[in-house]
Amino acid sequence: MGLLLAVVVHAANVHDSQSAFRVIKQLKYRFSRLVKVIADGGYRGDFVEKVKQAFGWTIQVVLRKDSNKGFQVVPKRWIVERTFAWFESYRRLSKDYEFNTDTSETMIQLAMIKLMLNRII
C-alpha cells in the first residue's frame, strides 16, 4: 500500500545502506508478522546477513535488469517511489527546510498521517 512503517532521517554524508539497520530495528517489536523486507541493490552484502542474524527476517534485494535500456518498472520498487511522490506535494518536504533531523522525521510522519486520514474520509 505504500504506507510508512518507520522513518529515519540522517545527514547527507551517511549512505542509506549504513543507516538501514536503524530503520529495521524500529520495526522489531511493532510488526510481529513481518517476515520479508524488500530492498534495492544498495542494500546487498553484509546488511542482508546482519538483519537475518539479528531479527530472522529475509531481505529480498530487487534489481533492475541491465539488458534493458532507459526507464523500466521494477517489481515492488514503484510502491516506494509512489510514496516519495506523495511527499513532494507537501512544501516542507519538497525542499530541505529543516535544520534538525528530528523535525524532518516529524514532518514526514505528519504528511503520512494526513494521507491516511484523507483515505478514510
C-alpha atoms as a PDB file:
ATOM      1  CA  MET A   1       0.000   0.000   0.000  1.00  0.00           C
ATOM      2  CA  GLY A   2       2.981   2.303   0.347  1.00  0.00           C
ATOM      3  CA  LEU A   3       2.200   3.372   3.900  1.00  0.00           C
ATOM      4  CA  LEU A   4       5.002   4.415   6.205  1.00  0.00           C
ATOM      5  CA  LEU A   5       6.163   1.832   8.761  1.00  0.00           C
ATOM      6  CA  ALA A   6       9.222   3.627  10.121  1.00  0.00           C
ATOM      7  CA  VAL A   7      11.289   6.674   9.276  1.00  0.00           C
ATOM      8  CA  VAL A   8      14.893   7.673   9.948  1.00  0.00           C
ATOM      9  CA  VAL A   9      16.365  10.926   8.631  1.00  0.00           C
ATOM     10  CA  HIS A  10      20.142  11.215   8.710  1.00  0.00           C
ATOM     11  CA  ALA A  11      22.856  13.542   7.470  1.00  0.00           C
ATOM     12  CA  ALA A  12      23.677  13.512   3.761  1.00  0.00           C
ATOM     13  CA  ASN A  13      27.210  12.237   4.393  1.00  0.00           C
ATOM     14  CA  VAL A  14      25.848   8.866   5.618  1.00  0.00           C
ATOM     15  CA  HIS A  15      24.832   6.351   2.943  1.00  0.00           C
ATOM     16  CA  ASP A  16      21.317   4.908   3.231  1.00  0.00           C
ATOM     17  CA  SER A  17      22.643   1.363   3.489  1.00  0.00           C
ATOM     18  CA  GLN A  18      24.613   2.333   6.610  1.00  0.00           C
ATOM     19  CA  SER A  19      21.504   3.709   8.346  1.00  0.00           C
ATOM     20  CA  ALA A  20      19.122   0.988   7.152  1.00  0.00           C
ATOM     21  CA  PHE A  21      19.711  -1.115  10.253  1.00  0.00           C
ATOM     22  CA  ARG A  22      18.336   1.752  12.390  1.00  0.00           C
ATOM     23  CA  VAL A  23      15.097   1.648  10.393  1.00  0.00           C
ATOM     24  CA  ILE A  24      14.845  -2.140  10.600  1.00  0.00           C
ATOM     25  CA  LYS A  25      15.465  -2.003  14.361  1.00  0.00           C
ATOM     26  CA  GLN A  26      12.415   0.273  14.775  1.00  0.00           C
ATOM     27  CA  LEU A  27      10.214  -2.427  13.225  1.00  0.00           C
ATOM     28  CA  LYS A  28      11.275  -5.270  15.528  1.00  0.00           C
ATOM     29  CA  TYR A  29       8.528  -5.068  18.159  1.00  0.00           C
ATOM     30  CA  ARG A  30       5.935  -3.203  16.086  1.00  0.00           C
ATOM     31  CA  PHE A  31       5.149  -5.760  13.388  1.00  0.00           C
ATOM     32  CA  SER A  32       5.283  -9.310  14.676  1.00  0.00           C
ATOM     33  CA  ARG A  33       4.103 -10.813  11.375  1.00  0.00           C
ATOM     34  CA  LEU A  34       6.899  -9.194   9.357  1.00  0.00           C
ATOM     35  CA  VAL A  35       8.975 -11.866   7.619  1.00  0.00           C
ATOM     36  CA  LYS A  36      10.416 -10.310   4.471  1.00  0.00           C
ATOM     37  CA  VAL A  37      11.780  -6.855   3.665  1.00  0.00           C
ATOM     38  CA  ILE A  38      12.193  -5.777   0.039  1.00  0.00           C
ATOM     39  CA  ALA A  39      15.191  -3.557  -0.753  1.00  0.00           C
ATOM     40  CA  ASP A  40      17.027  -2.240  -3.786  1.00  0.00           C
ATOM     41  CA  GLY A  41      20.553  -3.099  -4.891  1.00  0.00           C
ATOM     42  CA  GLY A  42      22.239  -0.668  -2.500  1.00  0.00           C
ATOM     43  CA  TYR A  43      21.446  -2.962   0.424  1.00  0.00           C
ATOM     44  CA  ARG A  44      23.269  -6.079  -0.765  1.00  0.00           C
ATOM     45  CA  GLY A  45      26.070  -7.661   1.228  1.00  0.00           C
ATOM     46  CA  ASP A  46      26.604  -7.502   4.980  1.00  0.00           C
ATOM     47  CA  PHE A  47      23.266  -5.794   5.643  1.00  0.00           C
ATOM     48  CA  VAL A  48      21.292  -8.838   4.477  1.00  0.00           C
ATOM     49  CA  GLU A  49      23.176 -11.196   6.802  1.00  0.00           C
ATOM     50  CA  LYS A  50      23.110  -8.750   9.711  1.00  0.00           C
ATOM     51  CA  VAL A  51      19.300  -8.479   9.555  1.00  0.00           C
ATOM     52  CA  LYS A  52      18.922 -12.256   9.168  1.00  0.00           C
ATOM     53  CA  GLN A  53      21.051 -12.892  12.283  1.00  0.00           C
ATOM     54  CA  ALA A  54      19.541 -10.121  14.424  1.00  0.00           C
ATOM     55  CA  PHE A  55      15.830 -10.487  13.577  1.00  0.00           C
ATOM     56  CA  GLY A  56      15.410 -13.630  11.484  1.00  0.00           C
ATOM     57  CA  TRP A  57      13.935 -11.636   8.597  1.00  0.00           C
ATOM     58  CA  THR A  58      14.724 -12.173   4.944  1.00  0.00           C
ATOM     59  CA  ILE A  59      15.915  -9.235   2.858  1.00  0.00           C
ATOM     60  CA  GLN A  60      14.872  -9.630  -0.780  1.00  0.00           C
ATOM     61  CA  VAL A  61      17.025  -7.418  -2.986  1.00  0.00           C
ATOM     62  CA  VAL A  62      15.153  -6.376  -6.147  1.00  0.00           C
ATOM     63  CA  LEU A  63      17.464  -5.432  -9.017  1.00  0.00           C
ATOM     64  CA  ARG A  64      16.684  -3.987 -12.412  1.00  0.00           C
ATOM     65  CA  LYS A  65      17.880  -5.883 -15.461  1.00  0.00           C
ATOM     66  CA  ASP A  66      20.998  -4.473 -17.099  1.00  0.00           C
ATOM     67  CA  SER A  67      19.810  -5.732 -20.503  1.00  0.00           C
ATOM     68  CA  ASN A  68      17.009  -3.130 -20.607  1.00  0.00           C
ATOM     69  CA  LYS A  69      17.914   0.440 -21.521  1.00  0.00           C
ATOM     70  CA  GLY A  70      16.152   3.505 -20.141  1.00  0.00           C
ATOM     71  CA  PHE A  71      13.281   3.550 -17.683  1.00  0.00           C
ATOM     72  CA  GLN A  72      11.774   0.293 -16.515  1.00  0.00           C
ATOM     73  CA  VAL A  73       9.277  -0.572 -13.806  1.00  0.00           C
ATOM     74  CA  VAL A  74      10.941  -2.743 -11.171  1.00  0.00           C
ATOM     75  CA  PRO A  75       8.565  -5.008  -9.208  1.00  0.00           C
ATOM     76  CA  LYS A  76       7.621  -3.613  -5.765  1.00  0.00           C
ATOM     77  CA  ARG A  77      10.056  -0.693  -6.046  1.00  0.00           C
ATOM     78  CA  TRP A  78       7.454   1.522  -7.716  1.00  0.00           C
ATOM     79  CA  ILE A  79       5.474   1.461  -4.461  1.00  0.00           C
ATOM     80  CA  VAL A  80       8.301   3.235  -2.635  1.00  0.00           C
ATOM     81  CA  GLU A  81       8.732   5.739  -5.463  1.00  0.00           C
ATOM     82  CA  ARG A  82       4.993   6.492  -5.395  1.00  0.00           C
ATOM     83  CA  THR A  83       5.159   7.159  -1.647  1.00  0.00           C
ATOM     84  CA  PHE A  84       8.051   9.598  -2.184  1.00  0.00           C
ATOM     85  CA  ALA A  85       5.971  11.289  -4.897  1.00  0.00           C
ATOM     86  CA  TRP A  86       3.104  11.737  -2.408  1.00  0.00           C
ATOM     87  CA  PHE A  87       5.503  13.572  -0.087  1.00  0.00           C
ATOM     88  CA  GLU A  88       6.505  16.005  -2.846  1.00  0.00           C
ATOM     89  CA  SER A  89       3.090  17.689  -2.626  1.00  0.00           C
ATOM     90  CA  TYR A  90       3.990  18.953   0.878  1.00  0.00           C
ATOM     91  CA  ARG A  91       6.030  22.156   0.750  1.00  0.00           C
ATOM     92  CA  ARG A  92       8.053  21.377   3.871  1.00  0.00           C
ATOM     93  CA  LEU A  93       9.128  18.052   2.363  1.00  0.00           C
ATOM     94  CA  SER A  94       9.734  19.224  -1.221  1.00  0.00           C
ATOM     95  CA  LYS A  95      12.815  21.215  -0.181  1.00  0.00           C
ATOM     96  CA  ASP A  96      15.293  20.763   2.635  1.00  0.00           C
ATOM     97  CA  TYR A  97      13.949  23.408   5.030  1.00  0.00           C
ATOM     98  CA  GLU A  98      14.709  21.688   8.327  1.00  0.00           C
ATOM     99  CA  PHE A  99      17.924  22.064  10.310  1.00  0.00           C
ATOM    100  CA  ASN A 100      17.178  19.230  12.731  1.00  0.00           C
ATOM    101  CA  THR A 101      16.688  15.620  11.577  1.00  0.00           C
ATOM    102  CA  ASP A 102      14.052  15.058  14.268  1.00  0.00           C
ATOM    103  CA  THR A 103      11.952  17.841  12.760  1.00  0.00           C
ATOM    104  CA  SER A 104      12.281  16.281   9.306  1.00  0.00           C
ATOM    105  CA  GLU A 105      11.134  12.918  10.655  1.00  0.00           C
ATOM    106  CA  THR A 106       8.141  14.593  12.306  1.00  0.00           C
ATOM    107  CA  MET A 107       7.173  16.386   9.076  1.00  0.00           C
ATOM    108  CA  ILE A 108       7.260  13.065   7.198  1.00  0.00           C
ATOM    109  CA  GLN A 109       5.103  11.421   9.853  1.00  0.00           C
ATOM    110  CA  LEU A 110       2.594  14.307   9.761  1.00  0.00           C
ATOM    111  CA  ALA A 111       2.378  14.096   5.971  1.00  0.00           C
ATOM    112  CA  MET A 112       1.680  10.349   6.163  1.00  0.00           C
ATOM    113  CA  ILE A 113      -0.976  10.896   8.844  1.00  0.00           C
ATOM    114  CA  LYS A 114      -2.699  13.401   6.560  1.00  0.00           C
ATOM    115  CA  LEU A 115      -2.520  10.985   3.605  1.00  0.00           C
ATOM    116  CA  MET A 116      -4.027   8.165   5.672  1.00  0.00           C
ATOM    117  CA  LEU A 117      -6.783  10.418   7.066  1.00  0.00           C
ATOM    118  CA  ASN A 118      -7.686  11.505   3.537  1.00  0.00           C
ATOM    119  CA  ARG A 119      -8.178   7.861   2.593  1.00  0.00           C
ATOM    120  CA  ILE A 120     -10.734   7.173   5.322  1.00  0.00           C
ATOM    121  CA  ILE A 121     -12.702  10.411   4.938  1.00  0.00           C
END
